[in-house]
Amino acid sequence: MKSLARACVIVTMAGIAVGALAGPASAADNTFELATGSVSAYGTYDRMMSIPERPVPPIRVSGTLAVNSANRCGVVQIAYNGPADGIEWRTFGQLCGKGKTNYTTTSNMLFGGFQPQVRLCKGTSVKKAERGTSCDTFTPVAD
């Protein structure tokens, strides 16, 4: 009887261990981390569900922007469809000087059904950061 109880405990513990290891691996990873120089950003990139009665944009991006230098600025941008099917960048998070700030935005899909990229850029001012000369880009995994 003791050996049967012990066997049940061992099988149960093995099942819990396998479930714990398999759980995170099977879930879609929707997090990202970006860094360029003394500016970094991290957050989540989520696909939203919409219902006909209350449609919502299919993409939501949220997270934190951090600047670790007093004379640097950082911007978080998302791609959108520009004129003549070109890609433009819209700033939705910005910070100058040391500190952290939260950001969130929603977006539609790009032409052709592609998910928009998110990028982090740095500069000595917001305008210079928005030029996109020193950036790190997150490209979501295609479905």
C-alpha atoms as a PDB file:
ATOM      1  CA  MET A   1       0.000   0.000   0.000  1.00  0.00           C
ATOM      2  CA  LYS A   2       2.858   2.355   0.839  1.00  0.00           C
ATOM      3  CA  SER A   3       4.549   1.684  -2.507  1.00  0.00           C
ATOM      4  CA  LEU A   4       1.276   2.400  -4.391  1.00  0.00           C
ATOM      5  CA  ALA A   5       0.881   5.752  -2.612  1.00  0.00           C
ATOM      6  CA  ARG A   6       4.526   6.588  -3.277  1.00  0.00           C
ATOM      7  CA  ALA A   7       4.110   5.707  -6.984  1.00  0.00           C
ATOM      8  CA  CYS A   8       1.026   7.961  -7.227  1.00  0.00           C
ATOM      9  CA  VAL A   9       2.919  10.859  -5.656  1.00  0.00           C
ATOM     10  CA  ILE A  10       5.872  10.380  -8.035  1.00  0.00           C
ATOM     11  CA  VAL A  11       3.604  10.234 -11.103  1.00  0.00           C
ATOM     12  CA  THR A  12       1.694  13.328  -9.935  1.00  0.00           C
ATOM     13  CA  MET A  13       4.882  15.300  -9.318  1.00  0.00           C
ATOM     14  CA  ALA A  14       6.285  14.269 -12.707  1.00  0.00           C
ATOM     15  CA  GLY A  15       3.080  15.447 -14.383  1.00  0.00           C
ATOM     16  CA  ILE A  16       3.268  18.805 -12.616  1.00  0.00           C
ATOM     17  CA  ALA A  17       6.917  19.227 -13.631  1.00  0.00           C
ATOM     18  CA  VAL A  18       6.201  18.398 -17.295  1.00  0.00           C
ATOM     19  CA  GLY A  19       3.217  20.772 -17.297  1.00  0.00           C
ATOM     20  CA  ALA A  20       5.250  23.587 -15.789  1.00  0.00           C
ATOM     21  CA  LEU A  21       8.037  23.169 -18.339  1.00  0.00           C
ATOM     22  CA  ALA A  22       5.719  22.808 -21.342  1.00  0.00           C
ATOM     23  CA  GLY A  23       3.394  25.697 -20.420  1.00  0.00           C
ATOM     24  CA  PRO A  24       5.597  28.697 -21.194  1.00  0.00           C
ATOM     25  CA  ALA A  25       7.157  27.109 -24.270  1.00  0.00           C
ATOM     26  CA  SER A  26       3.801  26.515 -25.931  1.00  0.00           C
ATOM     27  CA  ALA A  27       2.493  30.030 -25.276  1.00  0.00           C
ATOM     28  CA  ALA A  28       3.167  32.715 -27.886  1.00  0.00           C
ATOM     29  CA  ASP A  29       5.822  35.134 -26.695  1.00  0.00           C
ATOM     30  CA  ASN A  30       4.405  38.626 -27.112  1.00  0.00           C
ATOM     31  CA  THR A  31       7.088  40.541 -25.207  1.00  0.00           C
ATOM     32  CA  PHE A  32       9.909  42.619 -26.619  1.00  0.00           C
ATOM     33  CA  GLU A  33      13.019  44.446 -25.406  1.00  0.00           C
ATOM     34  CA  LEU A  34      14.740  47.206 -27.361  1.00  0.00           C
ATOM     35  CA  ALA A  35      17.925  49.131 -26.560  1.00  0.00           C
ATOM     36  CA  THR A  36      20.097  51.706 -28.249  1.00  0.00           C
ATOM     37  CA  GLY A  37      22.836  53.348 -26.226  1.00  0.00           C
ATOM     38  CA  SER A  38      21.492  54.670 -22.927  1.00  0.00           C
ATOM     39  CA  VAL A  39      17.843  54.343 -24.019  1.00  0.00           C
ATOM     40  CA  SER A  40      15.779  51.171 -23.629  1.00  0.00           C
ATOM     41  CA  ALA A  41      12.171  50.051 -23.939  1.00  0.00           C
ATOM     42  CA  TYR A  42      10.328  46.868 -23.090  1.00  0.00           C
ATOM     43  CA  GLY A  43       6.720  45.840 -23.277  1.00  0.00           C
ATOM     44  CA  THR A  44       4.066  43.667 -24.868  1.00  0.00           C
ATOM     45  CA  TYR A  45       2.766  43.425 -28.418  1.00  0.00           C
ATOM     46  CA  ASP A  46      -0.762  42.006 -28.409  1.00  0.00           C
ATOM     47  CA  ARG A  47      -3.202  40.964 -31.118  1.00  0.00           C
ATOM     48  CA  MET A  48      -6.671  42.153 -30.089  1.00  0.00           C
ATOM     49  CA  MET A  49      -9.966  40.387 -30.670  1.00  0.00           C
ATOM     50  CA  SER A  50     -12.738  42.507 -32.146  1.00  0.00           C
ATOM     51  CA  ILE A  51     -16.480  42.046 -32.339  1.00  0.00           C
ATOM     52  CA  PRO A  52     -18.657  43.701 -35.008  1.00  0.00           C
ATOM     53  CA  GLU A  53     -20.625  45.672 -32.409  1.00  0.00           C
ATOM     54  CA  ARG A  54     -17.472  47.281 -30.969  1.00  0.00           C
ATOM     55  CA  PRO A  55     -14.552  47.027 -33.381  1.00  0.00           C
ATOM     56  CA  VAL A  56     -11.088  47.813 -32.023  1.00  0.00           C
ATOM     57  CA  PRO A  57      -7.743  48.144 -33.810  1.00  0.00           C
ATOM     58  CA  PRO A  58      -6.144  44.692 -33.981  1.00  0.00           C
ATOM     59  CA  ILE A  59      -2.765  45.644 -32.467  1.00  0.00           C
ATOM     60  CA  ARG A  60      -2.015  47.018 -28.970  1.00  0.00           C
ATOM     61  CA  VAL A  61       1.494  47.901 -27.808  1.00  0.00           C
ATOM     62  CA  SER A  62       2.261  48.913 -24.230  1.00  0.00           C
ATOM     63  CA  GLY A  63       5.309  49.062 -22.003  1.00  0.00           C
ATOM     64  CA  THR A  64       7.988  51.251 -20.440  1.00  0.00           C
ATOM     65  CA  LEU A  65      10.559  53.607 -21.935  1.00  0.00           C
ATOM     66  CA  ALA A  66      13.716  54.304 -19.899  1.00  0.00           C
ATOM     67  CA  VAL A  67      16.457  56.889 -20.469  1.00  0.00           C
ATOM     68  CA  ASN A  68      19.683  56.524 -18.444  1.00  0.00           C
ATOM     69  CA  SER A  69      21.451  59.702 -19.542  1.00  0.00           C
ATOM     70  CA  ALA A  70      20.672  63.308 -18.650  1.00  0.00           C
ATOM     71  CA  ASN A  71      21.384  64.582 -22.183  1.00  0.00           C
ATOM     72  CA  ARG A  72      19.545  61.932 -24.228  1.00  0.00           C
ATOM     73  CA  CYS A  73      15.978  61.552 -25.478  1.00  0.00           C
ATOM     74  CA  GLY A  74      14.201  58.412 -26.572  1.00  0.00           C
ATOM     75  CA  VAL A  75      11.095  57.820 -28.680  1.00  0.00           C
ATOM     76  CA  VAL A  76       9.030  54.685 -29.229  1.00  0.00           C
ATOM     77  CA  GLN A  77       7.400  54.545 -32.652  1.00  0.00           C
ATOM     78  CA  ILE A  78       5.071  52.255 -34.585  1.00  0.00           C
ATOM     79  CA  ALA A  79       4.964  51.766 -38.352  1.00  0.00           C
ATOM     80  CA  TYR A  80       1.918  52.822 -40.361  1.00  0.00           C
ATOM     81  CA  ASN A  81       1.004  53.075 -44.029  1.00  0.00           C
ATOM     82  CA  GLY A  82       2.230  56.317 -45.541  1.00  0.00           C
ATOM     83  CA  PRO A  83       1.624  57.858 -48.934  1.00  0.00           C
ATOM     84  CA  ALA A  84       2.170  55.641 -51.982  1.00  0.00           C
ATOM     85  CA  ASP A  85       2.240  52.498 -49.807  1.00  0.00           C
ATOM     86  CA  GLY A  86       5.399  53.648 -48.027  1.00  0.00           C
ATOM     87  CA  ILE A  87       6.064  53.077 -44.343  1.00  0.00           C
ATOM     88  CA  GLU A  88       5.979  56.029 -41.951  1.00  0.00           C
ATOM     89  CA  TRP A  89       6.680  56.084 -38.200  1.00  0.00           C
ATOM     90  CA  ARG A  90       4.304  57.514 -35.570  1.00  0.00           C
ATOM     91  CA  THR A  91       5.721  58.429 -32.149  1.00  0.00           C
ATOM     92  CA  PHE A  92       3.618  57.273 -29.207  1.00  0.00           C
ATOM     93  CA  GLY A  93       6.130  57.390 -26.359  1.00  0.00           C
ATOM     94  CA  GLN A  94       8.863  59.932 -25.643  1.00  0.00           C
ATOM     95  CA  LEU A  95      11.148  60.918 -22.789  1.00  0.00           C
ATOM     96  CA  CYS A  96      14.128  63.260 -22.353  1.00  0.00           C
ATOM     97  CA  GLY A  97      16.569  63.031 -19.441  1.00  0.00           C
ATOM     98  CA  LYS A  98      16.962  60.297 -16.854  1.00  0.00           C
ATOM     99  CA  GLY A  99      13.788  58.484 -15.894  1.00  0.00           C
ATOM    100  CA  LYS A 100      11.054  56.107 -16.999  1.00  0.00           C
ATOM    101  CA  THR A 101       7.626  56.564 -18.552  1.00  0.00           C
ATOM    102  CA  ASN A 102       4.862  54.187 -19.598  1.00  0.00           C
ATOM    103  CA  TYR A 103       3.388  54.100 -23.079  1.00  0.00           C
ATOM    104  CA  THR A 104       0.461  52.470 -24.870  1.00  0.00           C
ATOM    105  CA  THR A 105      -1.027  52.660 -28.350  1.00  0.00           C
ATOM    106  CA  THR A 106      -3.226  50.787 -30.781  1.00  0.00           C
ATOM    107  CA  SER A 107      -2.688  50.317 -34.495  1.00  0.00           C
ATOM    108  CA  ASN A 108      -4.179  48.755 -37.582  1.00  0.00           C
ATOM    109  CA  MET A 109      -2.476  46.222 -39.799  1.00  0.00           C
ATOM    110  CA  LEU A 110      -0.260  47.445 -42.634  1.00  0.00           C
ATOM    111  CA  PHE A 111      -1.157  47.023 -46.310  1.00  0.00           C
ATOM    112  CA  GLY A 112      -0.946  43.350 -47.214  1.00  0.00           C
ATOM    113  CA  GLY A 113      -2.022  42.261 -43.721  1.00  0.00           C
ATOM    114  CA  PHE A 114       1.395  42.693 -42.100  1.00  0.00           C
ATOM    115  CA  GLN A 115       1.762  43.507 -38.411  1.00  0.00           C
ATOM    116  CA  PRO A 116       3.432  46.888 -37.829  1.00  0.00           C
ATOM    117  CA  GLN A 117       6.954  47.021 -36.437  1.00  0.00           C
ATOM    118  CA  VAL A 118       7.860  48.913 -33.263  1.00  0.00           C
ATOM    119  CA  ARG A 119      11.120  50.827 -32.972  1.00  0.00           C
ATOM    120  CA  LEU A 120      13.071  52.696 -30.310  1.00  0.00           C
ATOM    121  CA  CYS A 121      15.255  55.624 -31.371  1.00  0.00           C
ATOM    122  CA  LYS A 122      17.593  57.952 -29.469  1.00  0.00           C
ATOM    123  CA  GLY A 123      18.848  61.476 -30.001  1.00  0.00           C
ATOM    124  CA  THR A 124      19.782  64.667 -28.192  1.00  0.00           C
ATOM    125  CA  SER A 125      16.203  65.938 -28.662  1.00  0.00           C
ATOM    126  CA  VAL A 126      12.852  64.384 -29.507  1.00  0.00           C
ATOM    127  CA  LYS A 127      13.046  65.785 -33.067  1.00  0.00           C
ATOM    128  CA  LYS A 128      16.508  64.272 -33.599  1.00  0.00           C
ATOM    129  CA  ALA A 129      15.381  60.927 -32.160  1.00  0.00           C
ATOM    130  CA  GLU A 130      12.350  60.910 -34.475  1.00  0.00           C
ATOM    131  CA  ARG A 131      14.671  61.132 -37.498  1.00  0.00           C
ATOM    132  CA  GLY A 132      15.492  57.470 -36.887  1.00  0.00           C
ATOM    133  CA  THR A 133      19.258  57.479 -37.324  1.00  0.00           C
ATOM    134  CA  SER A 134      20.050  55.408 -34.198  1.00  0.00           C
ATOM    135  CA  CYS A 135      17.308  52.836 -33.610  1.00  0.00           C
ATOM    136  CA  ASP A 136      16.493  49.277 -32.552  1.00  0.00           C
ATOM    137  CA  THR A 137      13.460  47.642 -34.201  1.00  0.00           C
ATOM    138  CA  PHE A 138      11.093  44.881 -33.070  1.00  0.00           C
ATOM    139  CA  THR A 139       9.520  42.849 -35.860  1.00  0.00           C
ATOM    140  CA  PRO A 140       6.586  40.674 -34.682  1.00  0.00           C
ATOM    141  CA  VAL A 141       6.556  37.035 -35.703  1.00  0.00           C
ATOM    142  CA  ALA A 142       4.239  36.351 -38.634  1.00  0.00           C
ATOM    143  CA  ASP A 143       1.177  34.233 -37.868  1.00  0.00           C
END
